[in-house]
C-alpha atoms as a PDB file:
ATOM      1  CA  MET A   1      47.834 -46.742 194.644  1.00  0.00           C
ATOM      2  CA  SER A   2      44.548 -44.827 194.789  1.00  0.00           C
ATOM      3  CA  GLN A   3      43.181 -43.439 198.047  1.00  0.00           C
ATOM      4  CA  ILE A   4      41.914 -45.838 200.686  1.00  0.00           C
ATOM      5  CA  GLU A   5      38.484 -44.604 201.699  1.00  0.00           C
ATOM      6  CA  ARG A   6      36.887 -47.478 203.654  1.00  0.00           C
ATOM      7  CA  VAL A   7      38.486 -50.097 205.892  1.00  0.00           C
ATOM      8  CA  ALA A   8      36.642 -52.971 207.587  1.00  0.00           C
ATOM      9  CA  ILE A   9      38.059 -54.699 210.677  1.00  0.00           C
ATOM     10  CA  VAL A  10      36.253 -58.022 211.202  1.00  0.00           C
ATOM     11  CA  GLY A  11      36.559 -60.228 214.285  1.00  0.00           C
ATOM     12  CA  GLY A  12      34.807 -63.435 215.264  1.00  0.00           C
ATOM     13  CA  ASN A  13      34.608 -64.982 211.814  1.00  0.00           C
ATOM     14  CA  HIS A  14      35.225 -68.008 214.022  1.00  0.00           C
ATOM     15  CA  GLY A  15      33.222 -67.654 217.199  1.00  0.00           C
ATOM     16  CA  ASN A  16      35.791 -69.218 219.555  1.00  0.00           C
ATOM     17  CA  GLU A  17      38.686 -66.925 218.551  1.00  0.00           C
ATOM     18  CA  LEU A  18      38.262 -64.328 221.254  1.00  0.00           C
ATOM     19  CA  THR A  19      41.089 -61.920 220.460  1.00  0.00           C
ATOM     20  CA  GLY A  20      39.311 -60.612 217.364  1.00  0.00           C
ATOM     21  CA  VAL A  21      35.888 -60.754 219.009  1.00  0.00           C
ATOM     22  CA  HIS A  22      36.865 -58.541 221.935  1.00  0.00           C
ATOM     23  CA  LEU A  23      39.016 -56.175 219.893  1.00  0.00           C
ATOM     24  CA  VAL A  24      36.073 -55.490 217.589  1.00  0.00           C
ATOM     25  CA  LYS A  25      33.767 -55.010 220.563  1.00  0.00           C
ATOM     26  CA  LYS A  26      36.290 -52.536 221.986  1.00  0.00           C
ATOM     27  CA  PHE A  27      36.482 -50.669 218.669  1.00  0.00           C
ATOM     28  CA  GLN A  28      32.689 -50.556 218.454  1.00  0.00           C
ATOM     29  CA  GLN A  29      32.568 -49.079 221.947  1.00  0.00           C
ATOM     30  CA  TYR A  30      35.459 -46.646 221.357  1.00  0.00           C
ATOM     31  CA  PRO A  31      35.404 -45.861 217.603  1.00  0.00           C
ATOM     32  CA  ASN A  32      37.864 -42.985 218.076  1.00  0.00           C
ATOM     33  CA  LEU A  33      40.598 -45.623 218.446  1.00  0.00           C
ATOM     34  CA  ILE A  34      40.261 -46.669 214.800  1.00  0.00           C
ATOM     35  CA  ASN A  35      39.032 -43.411 213.271  1.00  0.00           C
ATOM     36  CA  ARG A  36      41.498 -41.706 210.957  1.00  0.00           C
ATOM     37  CA  VAL A  37      41.133 -38.391 209.136  1.00  0.00           C
ATOM     38  CA  SER A  38      41.422 -39.644 205.549  1.00  0.00           C
ATOM     39  CA  PHE A  39      39.250 -42.790 205.620  1.00  0.00           C
ATOM     40  CA  GLU A  40      36.298 -44.431 207.329  1.00  0.00           C
ATOM     41  CA  THR A  41      36.792 -47.531 209.507  1.00  0.00           C
ATOM     42  CA  LEU A  42      34.068 -50.094 210.226  1.00  0.00           C
ATOM     43  CA  ALA A  43      34.350 -52.641 213.062  1.00  0.00           C
ATOM     44  CA  LEU A  44      32.229 -55.732 212.400  1.00  0.00           C
ATOM     45  CA  LEU A  45      31.573 -59.015 214.220  1.00  0.00           C
ATOM     46  CA  GLY A  46      31.443 -62.049 211.924  1.00  0.00           C
ATOM     47  CA  ASN A  47      29.689 -65.201 213.102  1.00  0.00           C
ATOM     48  CA  LEU A  48      27.302 -63.736 215.690  1.00  0.00           C
ATOM     49  CA  LYS A  49      25.611 -66.984 216.723  1.00  0.00           C
ATOM     50  CA  ALA A  50      28.905 -68.874 217.021  1.00  0.00           C
ATOM     51  CA  ILE A  51      30.327 -66.054 219.158  1.00  0.00           C
ATOM     52  CA  GLU A  52      27.302 -66.317 221.417  1.00  0.00           C
ATOM     53  CA  GLU A  53      27.722 -70.099 221.740  1.00  0.00           C
ATOM     54  CA  GLY A  54      31.531 -70.080 221.980  1.00  0.00           C
ATOM     55  CA  LYS A  55      31.937 -72.327 218.926  1.00  0.00           C
ATOM     56  CA  ARG A  56      34.037 -72.055 215.786  1.00  0.00           C
ATOM     57  CA  TYR A  57      30.836 -72.262 213.715  1.00  0.00           C
ATOM     58  CA  ILE A  58      27.207 -73.422 213.898  1.00  0.00           C
ATOM     59  CA  ASP A  59      26.661 -75.416 210.676  1.00  0.00           C
ATOM     60  CA  LYS A  60      29.826 -74.877 208.630  1.00  0.00           C
ATOM     61  CA  ASP A  61      32.964 -72.745 208.544  1.00  0.00           C
ATOM     62  CA  LEU A  62      31.862 -69.160 207.792  1.00  0.00           C
ATOM     63  CA  ASN A  63      35.321 -68.392 206.452  1.00  0.00           C
ATOM     64  CA  ARG A  64      34.739 -70.763 203.529  1.00  0.00           C
ATOM     65  CA  CYS A  65      31.323 -69.340 202.541  1.00  0.00           C
ATOM     66  CA  PHE A  66      32.422 -66.277 200.542  1.00  0.00           C
ATOM     67  CA  THR A  67      32.809 -67.823 197.080  1.00  0.00           C
ATOM     68  CA  ASN A  68      30.817 -66.054 194.355  1.00  0.00           C
ATOM     69  CA  GLN A  69      28.964 -69.312 193.718  1.00  0.00           C
ATOM     70  CA  SER A  70      27.864 -69.631 197.354  1.00  0.00           C
ATOM     71  CA  LEU A  71      26.961 -65.965 197.768  1.00  0.00           C
ATOM     72  CA  GLN A  72      24.781 -66.043 194.660  1.00  0.00           C
ATOM     73  CA  ASN A  73      23.025 -69.316 195.509  1.00  0.00           C
ATOM     74  CA  PRO A  74      19.652 -68.669 197.223  1.00  0.00           C
ATOM     75  CA  GLN A  75      19.296 -72.400 197.959  1.00  0.00           C
ATOM     76  CA  LEU A  76      22.089 -72.300 200.568  1.00  0.00           C
ATOM     77  CA  LEU A  77      20.273 -71.606 203.832  1.00  0.00           C
ATOM     78  CA  SER A  78      22.630 -72.713 206.603  1.00  0.00           C
ATOM     79  CA  TYR A  79      23.285 -70.124 209.297  1.00  0.00           C
ATOM     80  CA  GLU A  80      26.771 -69.395 207.935  1.00  0.00           C
ATOM     81  CA  ASP A  81      25.608 -69.127 204.318  1.00  0.00           C
ATOM     82  CA  THR A  82      22.946 -66.636 205.377  1.00  0.00           C
ATOM     83  CA  ARG A  83      25.401 -64.686 207.530  1.00  0.00           C
ATOM     84  CA  ALA A  84      27.949 -64.570 204.687  1.00  0.00           C
ATOM     85  CA  LYS A  85      25.360 -62.951 202.425  1.00  0.00           C
ATOM     86  CA  ALA A  86      24.552 -60.404 205.153  1.00  0.00           C
ATOM     87  CA  ILE A  87      28.236 -59.571 205.635  1.00  0.00           C
ATOM     88  CA  GLN A  88      28.665 -59.160 201.885  1.00  0.00           C
ATOM     89  CA  GLN A  89      25.798 -56.640 201.865  1.00  0.00           C
ATOM     90  CA  ILE A  90      27.553 -54.637 204.592  1.00  0.00           C
ATOM     91  CA  LEU A  91      30.972 -54.690 202.912  1.00  0.00           C
ATOM     92  CA  GLN A  92      29.742 -54.510 199.314  1.00  0.00           C
ATOM     93  CA  PRO A  93      26.470 -52.532 199.551  1.00  0.00           C
ATOM     94  CA  GLN A  94      24.424 -52.234 196.376  1.00  0.00           C
ATOM     95  CA  ASN A  95      24.854 -48.943 194.496  1.00  0.00           C
ATOM     96  CA  GLN A  96      27.451 -47.768 197.035  1.00  0.00           C
ATOM     97  CA  PRO A  97      31.250 -47.914 197.148  1.00  0.00           C
ATOM     98  CA  PHE A  98      32.704 -51.153 198.509  1.00  0.00           C
ATOM     99  CA  VAL A  99      35.266 -51.310 201.314  1.00  0.00           C
ATOM    100  CA  ASP A 100      38.818 -50.958 200.021  1.00  0.00           C
ATOM    101  CA  VAL A 101      40.479 -53.070 202.730  1.00  0.00           C
ATOM    102  CA  ILE A 102      39.316 -55.981 204.897  1.00  0.00           C
ATOM    103  CA  VAL A 103      41.412 -56.795 207.977  1.00  0.00           C
ATOM    104  CA  ASP A 104      40.164 -60.201 209.164  1.00  0.00           C
ATOM    105  CA  LEU A 105      41.235 -60.980 212.753  1.00  0.00           C
ATOM    106  CA  HIS A 106      41.961 -64.590 213.732  1.00  0.00           C
ATOM    107  CA  SER A 107      43.805 -66.479 216.439  1.00  0.00           C
ATOM    108  CA  THR A 108      45.472 -69.874 216.233  1.00  0.00           C
ATOM    109  CA  THR A 109      46.634 -72.563 218.641  1.00  0.00           C
ATOM    110  CA  ALA A 110      49.850 -72.732 216.582  1.00  0.00           C
ATOM    111  CA  ASN A 111      52.858 -70.617 217.569  1.00  0.00           C
ATOM    112  CA  MET A 112      52.455 -68.111 214.722  1.00  0.00           C
ATOM    113  CA  GLY A 113      53.278 -64.898 216.582  1.00  0.00           C
ATOM    114  CA  LEU A 114      51.760 -62.004 214.619  1.00  0.00           C
ATOM    115  CA  SER A 115      51.214 -63.335 211.088  1.00  0.00           C
ATOM    116  CA  LEU A 116      49.773 -61.489 208.116  1.00  0.00           C
ATOM    117  CA  ILE A 117      48.253 -63.753 205.457  1.00  0.00           C
ATOM    118  CA  PHE A 118      47.948 -62.421 201.902  1.00  0.00           C
ATOM    119  CA  CYS A 119      46.089 -64.047 198.973  1.00  0.00           C
ATOM    120  CA  ASP A 120      48.549 -62.756 196.409  1.00  0.00           C
ATOM    121  CA  MET A 121      51.649 -60.666 195.783  1.00  0.00           C
ATOM    122  CA  HIS A 122      49.832 -57.335 195.600  1.00  0.00           C
ATOM    123  CA  PRO A 123      52.549 -54.636 195.682  1.00  0.00           C
ATOM    124  CA  PHE A 124      50.678 -52.490 198.209  1.00  0.00           C
ATOM    125  CA  LEU A 125      50.241 -55.392 200.625  1.00  0.00           C
ATOM    126  CA  LEU A 126      53.882 -56.450 200.220  1.00  0.00           C
ATOM    127  CA  ARG A 127      55.029 -52.914 201.069  1.00  0.00           C
ATOM    128  CA  LEU A 128      52.681 -52.932 204.079  1.00  0.00           C
ATOM    129  CA  GLY A 129      54.187 -56.257 205.165  1.00  0.00           C
ATOM    130  CA  ALA A 130      57.728 -54.957 204.734  1.00  0.00           C
ATOM    131  CA  TYR A 131      56.934 -51.879 206.827  1.00  0.00           C
ATOM    132  CA  LEU A 132      55.236 -53.808 209.634  1.00  0.00           C
ATOM    133  CA  SER A 133      57.938 -56.480 209.853  1.00  0.00           C
ATOM    134  CA  SER A 134      60.613 -53.757 209.915  1.00  0.00           C
ATOM    135  CA  ILE A 135      59.079 -52.079 212.984  1.00  0.00           C
ATOM    136  CA  ASN A 136      58.136 -55.342 214.748  1.00  0.00           C
ATOM    137  CA  PRO A 137      60.240 -58.506 214.279  1.00  0.00           C
ATOM    138  CA  MET A 138      57.317 -60.625 215.585  1.00  0.00           C
ATOM    139  CA  VAL A 139      55.420 -59.879 212.352  1.00  0.00           C
ATOM    140  CA  LYS A 140      55.682 -62.633 209.737  1.00  0.00           C
ATOM    141  CA  ILE A 141      54.206 -62.599 206.215  1.00  0.00           C
ATOM    142  CA  PHE A 142      52.596 -65.727 204.698  1.00  0.00           C
ATOM    143  CA  VAL A 143      51.487 -65.631 201.056  1.00  0.00           C
ATOM    144  CA  ASN A 144      48.949 -68.302 200.075  1.00  0.00           C
ATOM    145  CA  GLN A 145      47.862 -67.700 196.496  1.00  0.00           C
ATOM    146  CA  GLN A 146      45.775 -70.893 196.493  1.00  0.00           C
ATOM    147  CA  SER A 147      43.409 -69.251 199.006  1.00  0.00           C
ATOM    148  CA  ARG A 148      41.977 -66.745 196.509  1.00  0.00           C
ATOM    149  CA  GLU A 149      39.238 -69.210 195.515  1.00  0.00           C
ATOM    150  CA  GLY A 150      38.766 -70.743 198.963  1.00  0.00           C
ATOM    151  CA  GLY A 151      35.699 -68.753 200.002  1.00  0.00           C
ATOM    152  CA  PHE A 152      37.598 -66.676 202.557  1.00  0.00           C
ATOM    153  CA  LEU A 153      36.191 -63.368 203.772  1.00  0.00           C
ATOM    154  CA  ARG A 154      39.397 -61.579 202.772  1.00  0.00           C
ATOM    155  CA  SER A 155      38.780 -62.472 199.119  1.00  0.00           C
ATOM    156  CA  LEU A 156      35.829 -60.024 198.974  1.00  0.00           C
ATOM    157  CA  CYS A 157      38.215 -57.188 198.168  1.00  0.00           C
ATOM    158  CA  GLU A 158      41.563 -56.770 196.462  1.00  0.00           C
ATOM    159  CA  LEU A 159      43.314 -55.598 199.630  1.00  0.00           C
ATOM    160  CA  GLY A 160      41.795 -58.131 202.018  1.00  0.00           C
ATOM    161  CA  PHE A 161      44.152 -59.915 204.417  1.00  0.00           C
ATOM    162  CA  VAL A 162      44.228 -61.842 207.685  1.00  0.00           C
ATOM    163  CA  ILE A 163      45.974 -61.160 210.959  1.00  0.00           C
ATOM    164  CA  GLU A 164      46.592 -64.568 212.563  1.00  0.00           C
ATOM    165  CA  VAL A 165      47.823 -64.467 216.167  1.00  0.00           C
ATOM    166  CA  GLY A 166      49.071 -67.289 218.357  1.00  0.00           C
ATOM    167  CA  ALA A 167      49.648 -69.449 220.167  1.00  0.00           C
ATOM    168  CA  VAL A 168      46.413 -68.988 222.093  1.00  0.00           C
ATOM    169  CA  ALA A 169      43.884 -71.665 222.998  1.00  0.00           C
ATOM    170  CA  GLN A 170      40.347 -71.570 221.637  1.00  0.00           C
ATOM    171  CA  ASN A 171      37.884 -69.610 223.813  1.00  0.00           C
ATOM    172  CA  ILE A 172      40.804 -68.068 225.716  1.00  0.00           C
ATOM    173  CA  LEU A 173      42.076 -64.492 225.908  1.00  0.00           C
ATOM    174  CA  ASN A 174      45.817 -63.895 226.165  1.00  0.00           C
ATOM    175  CA  ALA A 175      46.406 -60.322 227.359  1.00  0.00           C
ATOM    176  CA  GLU A 176      49.878 -59.987 225.819  1.00  0.00           C
ATOM    177  CA  LEU A 177      48.748 -61.194 222.384  1.00  0.00           C
ATOM    178  CA  PHE A 178      45.585 -59.072 222.642  1.00  0.00           C
ATOM    179  CA  GLN A 179      47.662 -55.931 223.220  1.00  0.00           C
ATOM    180  CA  GLN A 180      50.163 -56.835 220.487  1.00  0.00           C
ATOM    181  CA  THR A 181      47.332 -57.388 218.000  1.00  0.00           C
ATOM    182  CA  GLU A 182      45.736 -54.084 218.986  1.00  0.00           C
ATOM    183  CA  GLN A 183      49.007 -52.193 218.462  1.00  0.00           C
ATOM    184  CA  LEU A 184      49.500 -53.936 215.100  1.00  0.00           C
ATOM    185  CA  ILE A 185      46.051 -52.773 213.966  1.00  0.00           C
ATOM    186  CA  TYR A 186      46.858 -49.179 214.921  1.00  0.00           C
ATOM    187  CA  ALA A 187      50.141 -49.409 212.985  1.00  0.00           C
ATOM    188  CA  ILE A 188      48.229 -50.673 209.923  1.00  0.00           C
ATOM    189  CA  LEU A 189      45.663 -47.866 210.128  1.00  0.00           C
ATOM    190  CA  ASP A 190      48.422 -45.284 210.586  1.00  0.00           C
ATOM    191  CA  TYR A 191      50.202 -46.696 207.518  1.00  0.00           C
ATOM    192  CA  PHE A 192      47.022 -46.325 205.447  1.00  0.00           C
ATOM    193  CA  GLU A 193      46.668 -42.767 206.718  1.00  0.00           C
ATOM    194  CA  GLY A 194      50.270 -42.023 205.806  1.00  0.00           C
ATOM    195  CA  CYS A 195      49.747 -43.454 202.308  1.00  0.00           C
ATOM    196  CA  ASN A 196      46.637 -41.355 201.766  1.00  0.00           C
ATOM    197  CA  GLN A 197      48.457 -38.220 202.883  1.00  0.00           C
ATOM    198  CA  GLY A 198      51.631 -38.945 200.920  1.00  0.00           C
ATOM    199  CA  ASN A 199      53.782 -39.322 204.021  1.00  0.00           C
ATOM    200  CA  ILE A 200      55.135 -42.838 203.381  1.00  0.00           C
ATOM    201  CA  PRO A 201      58.615 -42.694 201.801  1.00  0.00           C
ATOM    202  CA  GLN A 202      58.805 -44.656 198.534  1.00  0.00           C
ATOM    203  CA  THR A 203      62.149 -46.279 199.321  1.00  0.00           C
ATOM    204  CA  LYS A 204      62.770 -49.888 198.321  1.00  0.00           C
ATOM    205  CA  SER A 205      63.085 -52.455 201.095  1.00  0.00           C
ATOM    206  CA  ILE A 206      63.604 -56.213 201.320  1.00  0.00           C
ATOM    207  CA  LEU A 207      60.631 -58.268 202.475  1.00  0.00           C
ATOM    208  CA  THR A 208      61.135 -61.744 203.901  1.00  0.00           C
ATOM    209  CA  PHE A 209      57.989 -63.821 203.423  1.00  0.00           C
ATOM    210  CA  TYR A 210      56.821 -67.432 203.472  1.00  0.00           C
ATOM    211  CA  GLN A 211      55.229 -68.849 200.323  1.00  0.00           C
ATOM    212  CA  TYR A 212      52.682 -71.683 200.494  1.00  0.00           C
ATOM    213  CA  ILE A 213      53.831 -75.053 199.117  1.00  0.00           C
ATOM    214  CA  GLU A 214      51.301 -77.616 200.381  1.00  0.00           C
ATOM    215  CA  THR A 215      49.386 -78.918 203.381  1.00  0.00           C
ATOM    216  CA  ILE A 216      50.418 -82.102 205.211  1.00  0.00           C
ATOM    217  CA  ASP A 217      47.958 -84.406 207.006  1.00  0.00           C
ATOM    218  CA  TYR A 218      48.669 -86.585 210.004  1.00  0.00           C
ATOM    219  CA  PRO A 219      49.613 -90.190 209.248  1.00  0.00           C
ATOM    220  CA  ARG A 220      46.320 -92.114 209.179  1.00  0.00           C
ATOM    221  CA  SER A 221      45.107 -95.719 209.107  1.00  0.00           C
ATOM    222  CA  ASN A 222      42.973 -97.191 206.334  1.00  0.00           C
ATOM    223  CA  HIS A 223      40.007 -96.147 208.495  1.00  0.00           C
ATOM    224  CA  GLN A 224      41.294 -92.550 208.561  1.00  0.00           C
ATOM    225  CA  GLU A 225      42.206 -92.673 212.241  1.00  0.00           C
ATOM    226  CA  ILE A 226      45.237 -90.587 213.227  1.00  0.00           C
ATOM    227  CA  GLN A 227      48.295 -92.782 213.797  1.00  0.00           C
ATOM    228  CA  ALA A 228      50.858 -90.188 214.945  1.00  0.00           C
ATOM    229  CA  MET A 229      51.264 -86.813 216.668  1.00  0.00           C
ATOM    230  CA  ILE A 230      53.367 -83.762 215.884  1.00  0.00           C
ATOM    231  CA  HIS A 231      56.892 -84.639 216.995  1.00  0.00           C
ATOM    232  CA  PRO A 232      57.989 -82.898 220.225  1.00  0.00           C
ATOM    233  CA  GLN A 233      60.997 -81.438 218.381  1.00  0.00           C
ATOM    234  CA  LEU A 234      58.646 -79.758 215.875  1.00  0.00           C
ATOM    235  CA  GLN A 235      55.829 -78.613 218.175  1.00  0.00           C
ATOM    236  CA  PHE A 236      55.610 -74.787 218.484  1.00  0.00           C
ATOM    237  CA  ARG A 237      58.444 -74.326 215.944  1.00  0.00           C
ATOM    238  CA  ASP A 238      56.385 -72.463 213.340  1.00  0.00           C
ATOM    239  CA  TYR A 239      58.493 -70.558 210.784  1.00  0.00           C
ATOM    240  CA  GLU A 240      61.609 -72.533 211.768  1.00  0.00           C
ATOM    241  CA  PRO A 241      63.472 -74.710 209.226  1.00  0.00           C
ATOM    242  CA  LEU A 242      62.479 -78.357 208.797  1.00  0.00           C
ATOM    243  CA  ASN A 243      65.303 -80.174 207.032  1.00  0.00           C
ATOM    244  CA  PRO A 244      65.197 -83.515 205.182  1.00  0.00           C
ATOM    245  CA  GLY A 245      65.595 -86.236 207.787  1.00  0.00           C
ATOM    246  CA  ASP A 246      64.302 -84.130 210.698  1.00  0.00           C
ATOM    247  CA  PRO A 247      61.623 -85.757 212.906  1.00  0.00           C
ATOM    248  CA  MET A 248      58.127 -84.673 211.898  1.00  0.00           C
ATOM    249  CA  PHE A 249      55.665 -87.017 213.636  1.00  0.00           C
ATOM    250  CA  LEU A 250      55.752 -89.433 216.576  1.00  0.00           C
ATOM    251  CA  THR A 251      53.578 -92.559 216.515  1.00  0.00           C
ATOM    252  CA  PHE A 252      51.621 -93.638 219.577  1.00  0.00           C
ATOM    253  CA  THR A 253      54.121 -96.481 219.997  1.00  0.00           C
ATOM    254  CA  GLY A 254      57.025 -94.020 220.110  1.00  0.00           C
ATOM    255  CA  GLN A 255      58.432 -94.322 216.576  1.00  0.00           C
ATOM    256  CA  ASP A 256      59.775 -91.230 214.818  1.00  0.00           C
ATOM    257  CA  ILE A 257      58.511 -90.361 211.342  1.00  0.00           C
ATOM    258  CA  PHE A 258      60.967 -88.166 209.469  1.00  0.00           C
ATOM    259  CA  TYR A 259      60.509 -85.429 206.874  1.00  0.00           C
ATOM    260  CA  GLU A 260      61.358 -86.986 203.500  1.00  0.00           C
ATOM    261  CA  GLY A 261      61.275 -83.899 201.299  1.00  0.00           C
ATOM    262  CA  ALA A 262      64.192 -82.952 199.084  1.00  0.00           C
ATOM    263  CA  SER A 263      64.845 -79.486 200.539  1.00  0.00           C
ATOM    264  CA  THR A 264      64.400 -77.406 203.675  1.00  0.00           C
ATOM    265  CA  VAL A 265      60.897 -76.075 204.307  1.00  0.00           C
ATOM    266  CA  TYR A 266      59.317 -73.867 206.963  1.00  0.00           C
ATOM    267  CA  PRO A 267      56.168 -75.352 208.552  1.00  0.00           C
ATOM    268  CA  ILE A 268      53.424 -73.109 209.937  1.00  0.00           C
ATOM    269  CA  PHE A 269      50.008 -73.746 211.503  1.00  0.00           C
ATOM    270  CA  ILE A 270      51.695 -76.688 213.226  1.00  0.00           C
ATOM    271  CA  ASN A 271      49.099 -78.711 215.167  1.00  0.00           C
ATOM    272  CA  GLU A 272      46.328 -76.108 214.760  1.00  0.00           C
ATOM    273  CA  ALA A 273      43.361 -77.458 216.740  1.00  0.00           C
ATOM    274  CA  ALA A 274      40.730 -76.358 214.213  1.00  0.00           C
ATOM    275  CA  TYR A 275      42.521 -78.121 211.349  1.00  0.00           C
ATOM    276  CA  TYR A 276      42.181 -81.676 212.688  1.00  0.00           C
ATOM    277  CA  GLU A 277      38.749 -81.888 211.044  1.00  0.00           C
ATOM    278  CA  LYS A 278      40.213 -80.518 207.800  1.00  0.00           C
ATOM    279  CA  GLY A 279      42.949 -83.165 207.640  1.00  0.00           C
ATOM    280  CA  ILE A 280      45.781 -80.668 208.065  1.00  0.00           C
ATOM    281  CA  ALA A 281      48.686 -81.190 210.459  1.00  0.00           C
ATOM    282  CA  MET A 282      50.662 -78.222 209.128  1.00  0.00           C
ATOM    283  CA  TYR A 283      51.324 -76.031 206.102  1.00  0.00           C
ATOM    284  CA  LEU A 284      54.710 -76.236 204.431  1.00  0.00           C
ATOM    285  CA  THR A 285      56.197 -73.011 203.091  1.00  0.00           C
ATOM    286  CA  GLN A 286      59.292 -71.751 201.329  1.00  0.00           C
ATOM    287  CA  LYS A 287      61.172 -68.813 202.801  1.00  0.00           C
ATOM    288  CA  GLN A 288      61.697 -66.119 200.189  1.00  0.00           C
ATOM    289  CA  GLN A 289      62.809 -62.519 199.855  1.00  0.00           C
ATOM    290  CA  GLU A 290      61.616 -59.813 197.512  1.00  0.00           C
ATOM    291  CA  VAL A 291      62.546 -56.184 196.957  1.00  0.00           C
ATOM    292  CA  VAL A 292      59.333 -54.151 197.368  1.00  0.00           C
END
């Protein structure tokens, strides 16, 4: 792995996720907290207008606007499309070196603890995940290789990833999760510093991670109206096993709807508030281990 020279920490890609917004504001006010000897760290706010208005977005989800096609299309003039182009210019300036790492800060209404989301099985990121989960059992690793083409901010660089923290309501600050996220960021920066200075031992370790399978929508009528809720036995049980025959949804008339898959899965993003409009009730994952 070559030297890491520039790291970007981005908060407020969604304007109503306040943990990242206020951490970035803190880092902008006290840059010594994220400065390290061997690399430069930039703290950046994402969707400025949505932050100001306390909304997830103004016209469209900013965190889906970073496809090459969208960034290169001058006809796209929504606020988020324009802001995405501006962010790209900051992180990938013309005739200057790009950032090596993007740490994109998010919060979720699902009970995800401290989750790191990777686009792929990059060996450096897997080793980072193994290190962080070894020092903090709250840290979980989710690998979603389908997201590489999804227009996510993290896809702008090879070592881009998300920190997803929850459960915390939209437009709410949770002091405990705020502090845990802050300490996780410092651990990540210290790891990068250790790598640059050759102080990270190259011993093999076992990483437990969760691999994306598919998304599941809520049961809906022919008119696309939701017909059932997350079952009480599943609510807030992110990263816990869901076995064939376990209750998954509960209809408004009180009937259980059971998981009919052939094998045990591990749901995450269960009942995420922002995903109702996307037709997603949860992600299903497989639990896996890898020597890294």
